[in-house]
PDB file of N, CA and C in Angstrom:
ATOM      1  N   UNK A   1      -6.599  -7.679 -14.527  1.00  0.00           N
ATOM      2  CA  UNK A   1      -7.873  -8.059 -15.045  1.00  0.00           C
ATOM      3  C   UNK A   1      -8.943  -7.381 -14.169  1.00  0.00           C
ATOM      4  N   UNK A   2     -10.040  -6.979 -14.766  1.00  0.00           N
ATOM      5  CA  UNK A   2     -11.114  -6.292 -14.056  1.00  0.00           C
ATOM      6  C   UNK A   2     -12.416  -7.041 -14.330  1.00  0.00           C
ATOM      7  N   UNK A   3     -13.180  -7.230 -13.250  1.00  0.00           N
ATOM      8  CA  UNK A   3     -14.506  -7.836 -13.379  1.00  0.00           C
ATOM      9  C   UNK A   3     -15.476  -6.785 -12.824  1.00  0.00           C
ATOM     10  N   UNK A   4     -16.477  -6.440 -13.578  1.00  0.00           N
ATOM     11  CA  UNK A   4     -17.478  -5.517 -13.129  1.00  0.00           C
ATOM     12  C   UNK A   4     -18.509  -5.295 -14.192  1.00  0.00           C
ATOM     13  N   UNK A   5     -19.438  -4.442 -13.853  1.00  0.00           N
ATOM     14  CA  UNK A   5     -20.498  -4.131 -14.789  1.00  0.00           C
ATOM     15  C   UNK A   5     -19.992  -3.133 -15.828  1.00  0.00           C
ATOM     16  N   UNK A   6     -20.438  -3.295 -17.042  1.00  0.00           N
ATOM     17  CA  UNK A   6     -20.072  -2.350 -18.075  1.00  0.00           C
ATOM     18  C   UNK A   6     -20.874  -1.055 -17.956  1.00  0.00           C
ATOM     19  N   UNK A   7     -21.972  -1.108 -17.221  1.00  0.00           N
ATOM     20  CA  UNK A   7     -22.793   0.088 -17.069  1.00  0.00           C
ATOM     21  C   UNK A   7     -22.491   0.805 -15.735  1.00  0.00           C
ATOM     22  N   UNK A   8     -21.995   0.100 -14.735  1.00  0.00           N
ATOM     23  CA  UNK A   8     -21.677   0.719 -13.461  1.00  0.00           C
ATOM     24  C   UNK A   8     -20.175   0.628 -13.205  1.00  0.00           C
ATOM     25  N   UNK A   9     -19.456   1.674 -13.602  1.00  0.00           N
ATOM     26  CA  UNK A   9     -17.966   1.655 -13.430  1.00  0.00           C
ATOM     27  C   UNK A   9     -17.507   2.003 -12.038  1.00  0.00           C
ATOM     28  N   UNK A  10     -18.485   2.211 -11.115  1.00  0.00           N
ATOM     29  CA  UNK A  10     -18.111   2.576  -9.759  1.00  0.00           C
ATOM     30  C   UNK A  10     -17.861   1.356  -8.878  1.00  0.00           C
ATOM     31  N   UNK A  11     -18.146   0.180  -9.398  1.00  0.00           N
ATOM     32  CA  UNK A  11     -17.926  -1.061  -8.616  1.00  0.00           C
ATOM     33  C   UNK A  11     -17.207  -2.074  -9.504  1.00  0.00           C
ATOM     34  N   UNK A  12     -16.057  -2.540  -9.061  1.00  0.00           N
ATOM     35  CA  UNK A  12     -15.241  -3.493  -9.848  1.00  0.00           C
ATOM     36  C   UNK A  12     -14.447  -4.371  -8.945  1.00  0.00           C
ATOM     37  N   UNK A  13     -14.075  -5.558  -9.429  1.00  0.00           N
ATOM     38  CA  UNK A  13     -13.127  -6.416  -8.771  1.00  0.00           C
ATOM     39  C   UNK A  13     -11.894  -6.532  -9.652  1.00  0.00           C
ATOM     40  N   UNK A  14     -10.755  -6.340  -9.112  1.00  0.00           N
ATOM     41  CA  UNK A  14      -9.498  -6.394  -9.860  1.00  0.00           C
ATOM     42  C   UNK A  14      -8.700  -7.574  -9.341  1.00  0.00           C
ATOM     43  N   UNK A  15      -8.167  -8.358 -10.312  1.00  0.00           N
ATOM     44  CA  UNK A  15      -7.315  -9.493  -9.963  1.00  0.00           C
ATOM     45  C   UNK A  15      -5.867  -9.107 -10.200  1.00  0.00           C
ATOM     46  N   UNK A  16      -5.044  -9.234  -9.170  1.00  0.00           N
ATOM     47  CA  UNK A  16      -3.607  -8.918  -9.259  1.00  0.00           C
ATOM     48  C   UNK A  16      -2.841 -10.211  -9.186  1.00  0.00           C
ATOM     49  N   UNK A  17      -2.131 -10.529 -10.243  1.00  0.00           N
ATOM     50  CA  UNK A  17      -1.374 -11.749 -10.295  1.00  0.00           C
ATOM     51  C   UNK A  17      -0.047 -11.602  -9.610  1.00  0.00           C
ATOM     52  N   UNK A  18       0.462 -12.709  -9.063  1.00  0.00           N
ATOM     53  CA  UNK A  18       1.776 -12.766  -8.393  1.00  0.00           C
ATOM     54  C   UNK A  18       1.838 -11.799  -7.226  1.00  0.00           C
ATOM     55  N   UNK A  19       0.732 -11.642  -6.501  1.00  0.00           N
ATOM     56  CA  UNK A  19       0.719 -10.774  -5.289  1.00  0.00           C
ATOM     57  C   UNK A  19       0.091 -11.551  -4.137  1.00  0.00           C
ATOM     58  N   UNK A  20       0.262 -11.016  -2.952  1.00  0.00           N
ATOM     59  CA  UNK A  20      -0.265 -11.681  -1.764  1.00  0.00           C
ATOM     60  C   UNK A  20      -0.789 -10.615  -0.769  1.00  0.00           C
ATOM     61  N   UNK A  21      -0.916 -11.016   0.513  1.00  0.00           N
ATOM     62  CA  UNK A  21      -1.475 -10.111   1.537  1.00  0.00           C
ATOM     63  C   UNK A  21      -0.680  -8.826   1.658  1.00  0.00           C
ATOM     64  N   UNK A  22       0.620  -8.872   1.412  1.00  0.00           N
ATOM     65  CA  UNK A  22       1.482  -7.705   1.626  1.00  0.00           C
ATOM     66  C   UNK A  22       0.963  -6.503   0.854  1.00  0.00           C
ATOM     67  N   UNK A  23       0.785  -6.626  -0.429  1.00  0.00           N
ATOM     68  CA  UNK A  23       0.308  -5.542  -1.249  1.00  0.00           C
ATOM     69  C   UNK A  23      -1.187  -5.335  -1.079  1.00  0.00           C
ATOM     70  N   UNK A  24      -1.934  -6.444  -1.036  1.00  0.00           N
ATOM     71  CA  UNK A  24      -3.376  -6.296  -0.999  1.00  0.00           C
ATOM     72  C   UNK A  24      -3.848  -5.584   0.256  1.00  0.00           C
ATOM     73  N   UNK A  25      -3.325  -5.935   1.406  1.00  0.00           N
ATOM     74  CA  UNK A  25      -3.751  -5.290   2.626  1.00  0.00           C
ATOM     75  C   UNK A  25      -3.301  -3.824   2.700  1.00  0.00           C
ATOM     76  N   UNK A  26      -2.127  -3.560   2.151  1.00  0.00           N
ATOM     77  CA  UNK A  26      -1.649  -2.161   2.162  1.00  0.00           C
ATOM     78  C   UNK A  26      -2.475  -1.286   1.259  1.00  0.00           C
ATOM     79  N   UNK A  27      -2.828  -1.750   0.061  1.00  0.00           N
ATOM     80  CA  UNK A  27      -3.666  -0.938  -0.806  1.00  0.00           C
ATOM     81  C   UNK A  27      -5.094  -0.841  -0.307  1.00  0.00           C
ATOM     82  N   UNK A  28      -5.587  -1.950   0.346  1.00  0.00           N
ATOM     83  CA  UNK A  28      -6.918  -1.886   0.938  1.00  0.00           C
ATOM     84  C   UNK A  28      -6.968  -0.810   2.001  1.00  0.00           C
ATOM     85  N   UNK A  29      -5.948  -0.760   2.884  1.00  0.00           N
ATOM     86  CA  UNK A  29      -5.905   0.262   3.891  1.00  0.00           C
ATOM     87  C   UNK A  29      -5.881   1.666   3.304  1.00  0.00           C
ATOM     88  N   UNK A  30      -5.051   1.868   2.326  1.00  0.00           N
ATOM     89  CA  UNK A  30      -4.921   3.166   1.698  1.00  0.00           C
ATOM     90  C   UNK A  30      -6.256   3.576   1.019  1.00  0.00           C
ATOM     91  N   UNK A  31      -6.891   2.647   0.327  1.00  0.00           N
ATOM     92  CA  UNK A  31      -8.150   2.972  -0.346  1.00  0.00           C
ATOM     93  C   UNK A  31      -9.254   3.261   0.659  1.00  0.00           C
ATOM     94  N   UNK A  32      -9.264   2.580   1.807  1.00  0.00           N
ATOM     95  CA  UNK A  32     -10.301   2.860   2.799  1.00  0.00           C
ATOM     96  C   UNK A  32     -10.166   4.221   3.469  1.00  0.00           C
ATOM     97  N   UNK A  33      -9.026   4.887   3.265  1.00  0.00           N
ATOM     98  CA  UNK A  33      -8.823   6.218   3.772  1.00  0.00           C
ATOM     99  C   UNK A  33      -9.398   7.273   2.777  1.00  0.00           C
ATOM    100  N   UNK A  34      -9.654   6.848   1.563  1.00  0.00           N
ATOM    101  CA  UNK A  34     -10.146   7.748   0.501  1.00  0.00           C
ATOM    102  C   UNK A  34     -11.639   7.971   0.665  1.00  0.00           C
ATOM    103  N   UNK A  35     -12.095   9.221   0.798  1.00  0.00           N
ATOM    104  CA  UNK A  35     -13.534   9.471   0.973  1.00  0.00           C
ATOM    105  C   UNK A  35     -14.375   9.076  -0.223  1.00  0.00           C
ATOM    106  N   UNK A  36     -13.782   8.817  -1.368  1.00  0.00           N
ATOM    107  CA  UNK A  36     -14.559   8.381  -2.553  1.00  0.00           C
ATOM    108  C   UNK A  36     -14.851   6.908  -2.490  1.00  0.00           C
ATOM    109  N   UNK A  37     -14.282   6.205  -1.536  1.00  0.00           N
ATOM    110  CA  UNK A  37     -14.461   4.724  -1.474  1.00  0.00           C
ATOM    111  C   UNK A  37     -15.583   4.371  -0.496  1.00  0.00           C
ATOM    112  N   UNK A  38     -16.605   3.707  -0.993  1.00  0.00           N
ATOM    113  CA  UNK A  38     -17.713   3.239  -0.132  1.00  0.00           C
ATOM    114  C   UNK A  38     -17.328   1.870   0.476  1.00  0.00           C
ATOM    115  N   UNK A  39     -16.621   1.042  -0.303  1.00  0.00           N
ATOM    116  CA  UNK A  39     -16.191  -0.278   0.186  1.00  0.00           C
ATOM    117  C   UNK A  39     -14.896  -0.696  -0.517  1.00  0.00           C
ATOM    118  N   UNK A  40     -14.014  -1.290   0.230  1.00  0.00           N
ATOM    119  CA  UNK A  40     -12.831  -1.899  -0.376  1.00  0.00           C
ATOM    120  C   UNK A  40     -12.446  -3.103   0.487  1.00  0.00           C
ATOM    121  N   UNK A  41     -12.296  -4.222  -0.163  1.00  0.00           N
ATOM    122  CA  UNK A  41     -11.837  -5.411   0.510  1.00  0.00           C
ATOM    123  C   UNK A  41     -11.075  -6.297  -0.471  1.00  0.00           C
ATOM    124  N   UNK A  42     -10.413  -7.293   0.087  1.00  0.00           N
ATOM    125  CA  UNK A  42      -9.676  -8.197  -0.803  1.00  0.00           C
ATOM    126  C   UNK A  42      -9.817  -9.624  -0.340  1.00  0.00           C
ATOM    127  N   UNK A  43      -9.586 -10.515  -1.261  1.00  0.00           N
ATOM    128  CA  UNK A  43      -9.604 -11.945  -0.942  1.00  0.00           C
ATOM    129  C   UNK A  43      -8.516 -12.648  -1.776  1.00  0.00           C
ATOM    130  N   UNK A  44      -8.083 -13.783  -1.232  1.00  0.00           N
ATOM    131  CA  UNK A  44      -7.206 -14.659  -1.966  1.00  0.00           C
ATOM    132  C   UNK A  44      -8.034 -15.894  -2.263  1.00  0.00           C
ATOM    133  N   UNK A  45      -8.347 -16.151  -3.568  1.00  0.00           N
ATOM    134  CA  UNK A  45      -9.271 -17.210  -3.893  1.00  0.00           C
ATOM    135  C   UNK A  45      -8.873 -18.608  -3.359  1.00  0.00           C
ATOM    136  N   UNK A  46      -7.588 -18.912  -3.395  1.00  0.00           N
ATOM    137  CA  UNK A  46      -7.137 -20.184  -2.919  1.00  0.00           C
ATOM    138  C   UNK A  46      -5.650 -20.059  -2.506  1.00  0.00           C
ATOM    139  N   UNK A  47      -5.223 -20.700  -1.424  1.00  0.00           N
ATOM    140  CA  UNK A  47      -3.858 -20.515  -0.971  1.00  0.00           C
ATOM    141  C   UNK A  47      -2.795 -20.895  -2.041  1.00  0.00           C
ATOM    142  N   UNK A  48      -3.141 -21.786  -2.908  1.00  0.00           N
ATOM    143  CA  UNK A  48      -2.147 -22.182  -3.943  1.00  0.00           C
ATOM    144  C   UNK A  48      -2.169 -21.211  -5.135  1.00  0.00           C
ATOM    145  N   UNK A  49      -3.183 -20.366  -5.214  1.00  0.00           N
ATOM    146  CA  UNK A  49      -3.193 -19.299  -6.246  1.00  0.00           C
ATOM    147  C   UNK A  49      -2.370 -18.142  -5.848  1.00  0.00           C
ATOM    148  N   UNK A  50      -1.505 -17.686  -6.716  1.00  0.00           N
ATOM    149  CA  UNK A  50      -0.670 -16.570  -6.369  1.00  0.00           C
ATOM    150  C   UNK A  50      -1.283 -15.289  -6.900  1.00  0.00           C
ATOM    151  N   UNK A  51      -2.516 -15.026  -6.437  1.00  0.00           N
ATOM    152  CA  UNK A  51      -3.207 -13.816  -6.886  1.00  0.00           C
ATOM    153  C   UNK A  51      -4.168 -13.348  -5.797  1.00  0.00           C
ATOM    154  N   UNK A  52      -4.500 -12.068  -5.877  1.00  0.00           N
ATOM    155  CA  UNK A  52      -5.502 -11.496  -4.963  1.00  0.00           C
ATOM    156  C   UNK A  52      -6.565 -10.807  -5.764  1.00  0.00           C
ATOM    157  N   UNK A  53      -7.756 -10.782  -5.240  1.00  0.00           N
ATOM    158  CA  UNK A  53      -8.870 -10.046  -5.829  1.00  0.00           C
ATOM    159  C   UNK A  53      -9.183  -8.865  -4.894  1.00  0.00           C
ATOM    160  N   UNK A  54      -9.201  -7.662  -5.470  1.00  0.00           N
ATOM    161  CA  UNK A  54      -9.535  -6.450  -4.730  1.00  0.00           C
ATOM    162  C   UNK A  54     -10.860  -5.942  -5.229  1.00  0.00           C
ATOM    163  N   UNK A  55     -11.820  -5.804  -4.354  1.00  0.00           N
ATOM    164  CA  UNK A  55     -13.123  -5.269  -4.689  1.00  0.00           C
ATOM    165  C   UNK A  55     -13.241  -3.814  -4.219  1.00  0.00           C
ATOM    166  N   UNK A  56     -13.654  -2.971  -5.151  1.00  0.00           N
ATOM    167  CA  UNK A  56     -13.784  -1.556  -4.839  1.00  0.00           C
ATOM    168  C   UNK A  56     -15.173  -1.066  -5.278  1.00  0.00           C
ATOM    169  N   UNK A  57     -15.847  -0.353  -4.363  1.00  0.00           N
ATOM    170  CA  UNK A  57     -17.088   0.316  -4.690  1.00  0.00           C
ATOM    171  C   UNK A  57     -16.906   1.758  -4.272  1.00  0.00           C
ATOM    172  N   UNK A  58     -17.154   2.680  -5.216  1.00  0.00           N
ATOM    173  CA  UNK A  58     -16.928   4.085  -4.987  1.00  0.00           C
ATOM    174  C   UNK A  58     -18.244   4.844  -4.869  1.00  0.00           C
ATOM    175  N   UNK A  59     -18.121   6.116  -4.473  1.00  0.00           N
ATOM    176  CA  UNK A  59     -19.307   6.967  -4.335  1.00  0.00           C
ATOM    177  C   UNK A  59     -19.623   7.709  -5.630  1.00  0.00           C
ATOM    178  N   UNK A  60     -18.832   7.489  -6.705  1.00  0.00           N
ATOM    179  CA  UNK A  60     -19.122   8.176  -7.958  1.00  0.00           C
ATOM    180  C   UNK A  60     -18.006   8.068  -8.961  1.00  0.00           C
ATOM    181  N   UNK A  61     -16.754   8.180  -8.562  1.00  0.00           N
ATOM    182  CA  UNK A  61     -15.646   8.048  -9.517  1.00  0.00           C
ATOM    183  C   UNK A  61     -15.517   6.605  -9.946  1.00  0.00           C
ATOM    184  N   UNK A  62     -14.843   6.424 -11.070  1.00  0.00           N
ATOM    185  CA  UNK A  62     -14.695   5.032 -11.517  1.00  0.00           C
ATOM    186  C   UNK A  62     -13.752   4.244 -10.588  1.00  0.00           C
ATOM    187  N   UNK A  63     -14.030   3.013 -10.391  1.00  0.00           N
ATOM    188  CA  UNK A  63     -13.218   2.178  -9.497  1.00  0.00           C
ATOM    189  C   UNK A  63     -11.768   2.094  -9.996  1.00  0.00           C
ATOM    190  N   UNK A  64     -11.639   2.046 -11.318  1.00  0.00           N
ATOM    191  CA  UNK A  64     -10.294   1.962 -11.913  1.00  0.00           C
ATOM    192  C   UNK A  64      -9.480   3.178 -11.567  1.00  0.00           C
ATOM    193  N   UNK A  65     -10.030   4.340 -11.668  1.00  0.00           N
ATOM    194  CA  UNK A  65      -9.281   5.602 -11.376  1.00  0.00           C
ATOM    195  C   UNK A  65      -8.947   5.660  -9.865  1.00  0.00           C
ATOM    196  N   UNK A  66      -9.886   5.267  -9.034  1.00  0.00           N
ATOM    197  CA  UNK A  66      -9.658   5.285  -7.572  1.00  0.00           C
ATOM    198  C   UNK A  66      -8.544   4.281  -7.223  1.00  0.00           C
ATOM    199  N   UNK A  67      -8.543   3.102  -7.863  1.00  0.00           N
ATOM    200  CA  UNK A  67      -7.467   2.139  -7.607  1.00  0.00           C
ATOM    201  C   UNK A  67      -6.100   2.693  -8.018  1.00  0.00           C
ATOM    202  N   UNK A  68      -6.051   3.320  -9.179  1.00  0.00           N
ATOM    203  CA  UNK A  68      -4.771   3.959  -9.595  1.00  0.00           C
ATOM    204  C   UNK A  68      -4.306   4.993  -8.589  1.00  0.00           C
ATOM    205  N   UNK A  69      -5.223   5.820  -8.097  1.00  0.00           N
ATOM    206  CA  UNK A  69      -4.892   6.815  -7.083  1.00  0.00           C
ATOM    207  C   UNK A  69      -4.392   6.154  -5.786  1.00  0.00           C
ATOM    208  N   UNK A  70      -5.059   5.062  -5.443  1.00  0.00           N
ATOM    209  CA  UNK A  70      -4.683   4.333  -4.239  1.00  0.00           C
ATOM    210  C   UNK A  70      -3.257   3.792  -4.344  1.00  0.00           C
ATOM    211  N   UNK A  71      -2.872   3.220  -5.471  1.00  0.00           N
ATOM    212  CA  UNK A  71      -1.525   2.726  -5.658  1.00  0.00           C
ATOM    213  C   UNK A  71      -0.542   3.905  -5.664  1.00  0.00           C
ATOM    214  N   UNK A  72      -0.908   5.011  -6.266  1.00  0.00           N
ATOM    215  CA  UNK A  72      -0.039   6.223  -6.246  1.00  0.00           C
ATOM    216  C   UNK A  72       0.173   6.706  -4.808  1.00  0.00           C
ATOM    217  N   UNK A  73      -0.890   6.789  -4.029  1.00  0.00           N
ATOM    218  CA  UNK A  73      -0.772   7.201  -2.609  1.00  0.00           C
ATOM    219  C   UNK A  73       0.099   6.251  -1.811  1.00  0.00           C
ATOM    220  N   UNK A  74      -0.060   4.941  -2.069  1.00  0.00           N
ATOM    221  CA  UNK A  74       0.729   3.934  -1.358  1.00  0.00           C
ATOM    222  C   UNK A  74       2.206   4.107  -1.715  1.00  0.00           C
ATOM    223  N   UNK A  75       2.483   4.376  -2.983  1.00  0.00           N
ATOM    224  CA  UNK A  75       3.893   4.582  -3.397  1.00  0.00           C
ATOM    225  C   UNK A  75       4.476   5.814  -2.692  1.00  0.00           C
ATOM    226  N   UNK A  76       3.710   6.871  -2.609  1.00  0.00           N
ATOM    227  CA  UNK A  76       4.185   8.107  -1.953  1.00  0.00           C
ATOM    228  C   UNK A  76       4.448   7.803  -0.491  1.00  0.00           C
ATOM    229  N   UNK A  77       3.573   7.070   0.168  1.00  0.00           N
ATOM    230  CA  UNK A  77       3.779   6.740   1.590  1.00  0.00           C
ATOM    231  C   UNK A  77       5.077   5.901   1.755  1.00  0.00           C
ATOM    232  N   UNK A  78       5.269   4.946   0.889  1.00  0.00           N
ATOM    233  CA  UNK A  78       6.473   4.105   0.960  1.00  0.00           C
ATOM    234  C   UNK A  78       7.724   4.930   0.751  1.00  0.00           C
ATOM    235  N   UNK A  79       7.687   5.873  -0.198  1.00  0.00           N
ATOM    236  CA  UNK A  79       8.823   6.727  -0.423  1.00  0.00           C
ATOM    237  C   UNK A  79       9.120   7.622   0.788  1.00  0.00           C
ATOM    238  N   UNK A  80       8.080   8.076   1.461  1.00  0.00           N
ATOM    239  CA  UNK A  80       8.266   8.872   2.663  1.00  0.00           C
ATOM    240  C   UNK A  80       8.908   8.068   3.782  1.00  0.00           C
ATOM    241  N   UNK A  81       8.451   6.813   3.964  1.00  0.00           N
ATOM    242  CA  UNK A  81       9.028   5.941   4.988  1.00  0.00           C
ATOM    243  C   UNK A  81      10.481   5.697   4.667  1.00  0.00           C
ATOM    244  N   UNK A  82      10.772   5.417   3.435  1.00  0.00           N
ATOM    245  CA  UNK A  82      12.174   5.150   3.039  1.00  0.00           C
ATOM    246  C   UNK A  82      13.074   6.354   3.284  1.00  0.00           C
ATOM    247  N   UNK A  83      12.599   7.546   2.880  1.00  0.00           N
ATOM    248  CA  UNK A  83      13.369   8.773   3.084  1.00  0.00           C
ATOM    249  C   UNK A  83      13.592   9.042   4.560  1.00  0.00           C
ATOM    250  N   UNK A  84      12.573   8.869   5.368  1.00  0.00           N
ATOM    251  CA  UNK A  84      12.653   9.089   6.833  1.00  0.00           C
ATOM    252  C   UNK A  84      13.639   8.079   7.460  1.00  0.00           C
ATOM    253  N   UNK A  85      13.560   6.842   7.029  1.00  0.00           N
ATOM    254  CA  UNK A  85      14.454   5.814   7.528  1.00  0.00           C
ATOM    255  C   UNK A  85      15.913   6.109   7.161  1.00  0.00           C
ATOM    256  N   UNK A  86      16.166   6.423   5.874  1.00  0.00           N
ATOM    257  CA  UNK A  86      17.539   6.741   5.423  1.00  0.00           C
ATOM    258  C   UNK A  86      18.100   7.938   6.154  1.00  0.00           C
ATOM    259  N   UNK A  87      17.267   8.968   6.408  1.00  0.00           N
ATOM    260  CA  UNK A  87      17.758  10.148   7.149  1.00  0.00           C
ATOM    261  C   UNK A  87      18.079   9.730   8.567  1.00  0.00           C
ATOM    262  N   UNK A  88      17.276   8.943   9.201  1.00  0.00           N
ATOM    263  CA  UNK A  88      17.536   8.530  10.603  1.00  0.00           C
ATOM    264  C   UNK A  88      18.832   7.706  10.689  1.00  0.00           C
ATOM    265  N   UNK A  89      19.088   6.864   9.737  1.00  0.00           N
ATOM    266  CA  UNK A  89      20.313   6.042   9.720  1.00  0.00           C
ATOM    267  C   UNK A  89      21.520   7.010   9.506  1.00  0.00           C
ATOM    268  N   UNK A  90      21.408   7.944   8.592  1.00  0.00           N
ATOM    269  CA  UNK A  90      22.542   8.879   8.354  1.00  0.00           C
ATOM    270  C   UNK A  90      22.773   9.724   9.592  1.00  0.00           C
ATOM    271  N   UNK A  91      21.717  10.204  10.260  1.00  0.00           N
ATOM    272  CA  UNK A  91      21.875  10.980  11.488  1.00  0.00           C
ATOM    273  C   UNK A  91      22.554  10.161  12.576  1.00  0.00           C
ATOM    274  N   UNK A  92      22.161   8.924  12.689  1.00  0.00           N
ATOM    275  CA  UNK A  92      22.776   8.077  13.700  1.00  0.00           C
ATOM    276  C   UNK A  92      24.264   7.865  13.411  1.00  0.00           C
ATOM    277  N   UNK A  93      24.552   7.590  12.169  1.00  0.00           N
ATOM    278  CA  UNK A  93      25.982   7.389  11.771  1.00  0.00           C
ATOM    279  C   UNK A  93      26.805   8.629  12.047  1.00  0.00           C
ATOM    280  N   UNK A  94      26.234   9.789  11.798  1.00  0.00           N
ATOM    281  CA  UNK A  94      26.960  11.046  11.998  1.00  0.00           C
ATOM    282  C   UNK A  94      27.158  11.351  13.488  1.00  0.00           C
ATOM    283  N   UNK A  95      26.184  11.088  14.306  1.00  0.00           N
ATOM    284  CA  UNK A  95      26.180  11.504  15.723  1.00  0.00           C
ATOM    285  C   UNK A  95      26.613  10.439  16.739  1.00  0.00           C
ATOM    286  N   UNK A  96      26.829   9.251  16.294  1.00  0.00           N
ATOM    287  CA  UNK A  96      27.208   8.206  17.317  1.00  0.00           C
ATOM    288  C   UNK A  96      28.674   8.362  17.715  1.00  0.00           C
ATOM    289  N   UNK A  97      28.960   7.984  18.951  1.00  0.00           N
ATOM    290  CA  UNK A  97      30.321   8.040  19.406  1.00  0.00           C
ATOM    291  C   UNK A  97      31.181   7.045  18.628  1.00  0.00           C
ATOM    292  N   UNK A  98      32.416   7.426  18.438  1.00  0.00           N
ATOM    293  CA  UNK A  98      33.338   6.568  17.699  1.00  0.00           C
ATOM    294  C   UNK A  98      33.507   5.223  18.399  1.00  0.00           C
ATOM    295  N   UNK A  99      33.594   4.164  17.623  1.00  0.00           N
ATOM    296  CA  UNK A  99      33.770   2.821  18.200  1.00  0.00           C
ATOM    297  C   UNK A  99      35.082   2.727  18.958  1.00  0.00           C
ATOM    298  N   UNK A 100      36.050   3.559  18.607  1.00  0.00           N
ATOM    299  CA  UNK A 100      37.399   3.430  19.201  1.00  0.00           C
ATOM    300  C   UNK A 100      37.567   4.339  20.383  1.00  0.00           C
ATOM    301  N   UNK A 101      36.604   5.154  20.671  1.00  0.00           N
ATOM    302  CA  UNK A 101      36.745   6.025  21.842  1.00  0.00           C
ATOM    303  C   UNK A 101      36.632   5.214  23.108  1.00  0.00           C
ATOM    304  N   UNK A 102      37.383   5.578  24.120  1.00  0.00           N
ATOM    305  CA  UNK A 102      37.303   4.900  25.387  1.00  0.00           C
ATOM    306  C   UNK A 102      36.414   5.723  26.307  1.00  0.00           C
ATOM    307  N   UNK A 103      35.168   5.297  26.458  1.00  0.00           N
ATOM    308  CA  UNK A 103      34.212   6.060  27.287  1.00  0.00           C
ATOM    309  C   UNK A 103      34.045   5.341  28.592  1.00  0.00           C
ATOM    310  N   UNK A 104      34.366   6.052  29.667  1.00  0.00           N
ATOM    311  CA  UNK A 104      34.209   5.451  31.003  1.00  0.00           C
ATOM    312  C   UNK A 104      32.753   5.667  31.440  1.00  0.00           C
ATOM    313  N   UNK A 105      32.165   4.599  31.932  1.00  0.00           N
ATOM    314  CA  UNK A 105      30.787   4.743  32.443  1.00  0.00           C
ATOM    315  C   UNK A 105      30.837   4.567  33.966  1.00  0.00           C
ATOM    316  N   UNK A 106      29.974   5.331  34.606  1.00  0.00           N
ATOM    317  CA  UNK A 106      29.955   5.300  36.086  1.00  0.00           C
ATOM    318  C   UNK A 106      29.555   3.957  36.645  1.00  0.00           C
TER     319      UNK A 106
END
């Protein structure tokens, strides 16, 4: 759901259902790195509500498009972290000494 002016598409508040600080803070961080974003913040209206409101004000592009780009960038970052982690685990498994080797330590 989007709340904003019909004449000014550069400022909007988006409500994300069934989400919490985990996604909201991550996308807020990502959006605040975007030079097109003048302001981005989020709030949780009430602790018992399972939703977050994300407010975006841009320097010219529509808030909706900038939010989509922010989610896309966040997804790319998460994929990079996952790939890096999986590679590190595989490298560790390949290079670690065998559990059955008898290694004398000084």
